Amino acid sequence: MATNSNSNSKIGVLLVGHGSRLPYSKEVISQLAGLYSQKSEYPVEVGFMEMSKPSIPTSLNKLAQKGVEKIVVTPVFLAHGVHTTKDIPGILGLNNGDDTHEHGHGHEHGHSHKHDEDEEIDFDGEIIYTEPLGPDPKIVDIIKERIDGAL
């Protein structure tokens, strides 16, 4: 990948959360996106699988309107489950929503897909879908801080 800022402006980032009826879930994902934006030169949006707005298609379309050609989609989930292996890839139009784990590889998204609300994705660029957070040592550090702080 080229490192000049011109090519970087063609990349967008979408952080995907589950969504909840409670506002705190949306606030946490939005705050994480804000913190990430401070460390990144890419445009960043958040999208939610269900219950919260904006939806994944709305956020993808917003990035597309900014002129990005590649969108890196990261599920802000700890582990794989049906949402990360089937539901979200299905919304994105990747792997036909099946359980294959070809995450992290580009996929040409050349046609529209519908979301539950009949919202079409209007993006003809590349979508790269990453792994969830997983058992990262940085998360263990946070757990340790919480436990130590409670003692």
Protein backbone atom coordinates (compact mmCIF):
# COMPACT_ATOMS: atom_id res chain seq x y z
CA MET A 1 0.00 0.00 0.00
CA ALA A 2 1.28 3.45 -0.86
CA THR A 3 1.86 5.70 2.09
CA ASN A 4 1.24 9.09 0.54
CA SER A 5 -1.71 11.01 1.92
CA ASN A 6 -3.42 11.10 -1.47
CA SER A 7 -3.89 7.32 -1.49
CA ASN A 8 -4.85 7.29 2.19
CA SER A 9 -7.71 9.68 1.49
CA LYS A 10 -9.27 6.93 -0.60
CA ILE A 11 -9.57 4.65 2.45
CA GLY A 12 -12.43 4.77 4.93
CA VAL A 13 -13.00 2.91 8.19
CA LEU A 14 -16.30 1.56 9.48
CA LEU A 15 -16.52 0.37 13.08
CA VAL A 16 -19.51 -1.93 13.51
CA GLY A 17 -21.33 -2.42 16.78
CA HIS A 18 -24.21 -4.72 17.61
CA GLY A 19 -26.66 -2.01 18.60
CA SER A 20 -28.90 -1.84 21.64
CA ARG A 21 -32.07 -0.25 22.91
CA LEU A 22 -29.92 1.33 25.62
CA PRO A 23 -28.00 4.45 24.54
CA TYR A 24 -24.78 3.51 26.31
CA SER A 25 -23.84 0.90 23.69
CA LYS A 26 -24.00 3.48 20.90
CA GLU A 27 -22.08 6.00 23.00
CA VAL A 28 -19.23 3.55 23.63
CA ILE A 29 -18.81 2.68 19.93
CA SER A 30 -19.04 6.37 18.99
CA GLN A 31 -16.43 7.29 21.61
CA LEU A 32 -14.12 4.54 20.34
CA ALA A 33 -14.55 5.88 16.80
CA GLY A 34 -13.69 9.37 18.02
CA LEU A 35 -10.58 8.13 19.81
CA TYR A 36 -9.53 6.14 16.74
CA SER A 37 -10.09 9.19 14.52
CA GLN A 38 -7.56 11.11 16.59
CA LYS A 39 -4.93 8.48 15.75
CA SER A 40 -5.89 7.96 12.11
CA GLU A 41 -5.93 9.99 8.94
CA TYR A 42 -8.84 8.00 7.49
CA PRO A 43 -12.48 9.07 7.63
CA VAL A 44 -14.23 6.96 10.28
CA GLU A 45 -17.91 6.10 10.64
CA VAL A 46 -19.85 3.83 12.97
CA GLY A 47 -22.67 1.53 11.95
CA PHE A 48 -24.88 -0.80 13.90
CA MET A 49 -26.16 -4.21 13.00
CA GLU A 50 -29.57 -3.66 14.60
CA MET A 51 -31.59 -1.48 17.00
CA SER A 52 -29.26 1.57 16.89
CA LYS A 53 -28.67 4.11 14.16
CA PRO A 54 -26.93 4.67 11.87
CA SER A 55 -27.20 1.31 10.18
CA ILE A 56 -24.26 -0.38 8.46
CA PRO A 57 -25.58 0.53 4.96
CA THR A 58 -26.12 4.18 5.97
CA SER A 59 -22.56 4.47 7.24
CA LEU A 60 -21.05 2.68 4.24
CA ASN A 61 -22.93 5.04 1.94
CA LYS A 62 -21.69 8.03 3.92
CA LEU A 63 -18.09 6.89 3.44
CA ALA A 64 -18.79 6.27 -0.26
CA GLN A 65 -20.09 9.84 -0.57
CA LYS A 66 -16.74 11.04 0.81
CA GLY A 67 -15.09 9.44 -2.21
CA VAL A 68 -13.37 6.49 -0.56
CA GLU A 69 -12.49 3.55 -2.78
CA LYS A 70 -11.72 1.03 -0.04
CA ILE A 71 -13.53 0.57 3.26
CA VAL A 72 -12.06 -1.41 6.15
CA VAL A 73 -14.91 -2.76 8.27
CA THR A 74 -14.04 -3.82 11.81
CA PRO A 75 -16.60 -5.49 14.05
CA VAL A 76 -16.15 -4.12 17.57
CA PHE A 77 -16.98 -7.51 19.08
CA LEU A 78 -14.75 -9.63 21.30
CA ALA A 79 -15.23 -12.95 19.52
CA HIS A 80 -16.65 -14.53 16.42
CA GLY A 81 -20.27 -15.56 16.54
CA VAL A 82 -23.21 -15.69 14.16
CA HIS A 83 -23.25 -11.89 13.91
CA THR A 84 -19.60 -11.61 12.83
CA THR A 85 -19.55 -14.69 10.60
CA LYS A 86 -22.99 -14.51 9.00
CA ASP A 87 -25.11 -11.44 9.75
CA ILE A 88 -22.62 -8.62 9.21
CA PRO A 89 -20.98 -10.20 6.13
CA GLY A 90 -24.52 -10.74 4.78
CA ILE A 91 -25.37 -7.06 5.26
CA LEU A 92 -22.09 -6.14 3.57
CA GLY A 93 -22.73 -8.52 0.68
CA LEU A 94 -19.60 -10.56 1.44
CA ASN A 95 -19.46 -14.34 1.08
CA ASN A 96 -23.24 -14.36 0.69
CA GLY A 97 -23.40 -14.23 4.50
CA ASP A 98 -22.08 -17.77 4.88
CA ASP A 99 -19.68 -18.91 7.60
CA THR A 100 -16.44 -18.76 5.62
CA HIS A 101 -13.63 -16.91 7.36
CA GLU A 102 -12.01 -15.05 4.49
CA HIS A 103 -11.85 -11.88 6.56
CA GLY A 104 -9.10 -9.41 5.91
CA HIS A 105 -9.14 -9.98 2.17
CA GLY A 106 -10.56 -7.49 -0.25
CA HIS A 107 -13.85 -8.13 -1.95
CA GLU A 108 -15.15 -6.18 -4.88
CA HIS A 109 -18.60 -4.95 -4.01
CA GLY A 110 -20.07 -4.15 -7.36
CA HIS A 111 -23.80 -4.32 -6.73
CA SER A 112 -26.37 -3.23 -4.20
CA HIS A 113 -27.58 -5.29 -1.26
CA LYS A 114 -30.55 -4.66 0.95
CA HIS A 115 -30.66 -4.27 4.70
CA ASP A 116 -33.63 -5.07 6.92
CA GLU A 117 -34.98 -1.58 6.25
CA ASP A 118 -34.58 -2.01 2.47
CA GLU A 119 -31.63 0.35 2.53
CA GLU A 120 -29.32 -0.25 -0.40
CA ILE A 121 -25.56 -0.05 -0.23
CA ASP A 122 -24.32 2.21 -2.99
CA PHE A 123 -20.59 1.49 -3.00
CA ASP A 124 -18.61 -0.02 -5.86
CA GLY A 125 -15.22 -0.14 -4.15
CA GLU A 126 -13.40 -2.72 -2.09
CA ILE A 127 -14.60 -3.84 1.34
CA ILE A 128 -12.09 -5.41 3.70
CA TYR A 129 -13.72 -7.13 6.67
CA THR A 130 -11.41 -7.70 9.65
CA GLU A 131 -11.44 -10.08 12.57
CA PRO A 132 -13.19 -9.08 15.82
CA LEU A 133 -10.98 -7.86 18.69
CA GLY A 134 -10.14 -11.33 20.02
CA PRO A 135 -7.92 -12.24 22.98
CA ASP A 136 -5.60 -9.26 22.60
CA PRO A 137 -3.06 -8.65 25.41
CA LYS A 138 -4.17 -5.00 25.46
CA ILE A 139 -7.65 -6.14 26.51
CA VAL A 140 -6.07 -8.24 29.27
CA ASP A 141 -4.31 -5.09 30.48
CA ILE A 142 -7.70 -3.34 30.73
CA ILE A 143 -9.19 -6.31 32.63
CA LYS A 144 -6.23 -6.27 35.02
CA GLU A 145 -6.65 -2.51 35.59
CA ARG A 146 -10.33 -2.98 36.40
CA ILE A 147 -9.65 -5.82 38.82
CA ASP A 148 -6.73 -4.03 40.49
CA GLY A 149 -8.86 -0.88 40.78
CA ALA A 150 -11.66 -2.81 42.45
CA LEU A 151 -9.36 -4.23 45.15
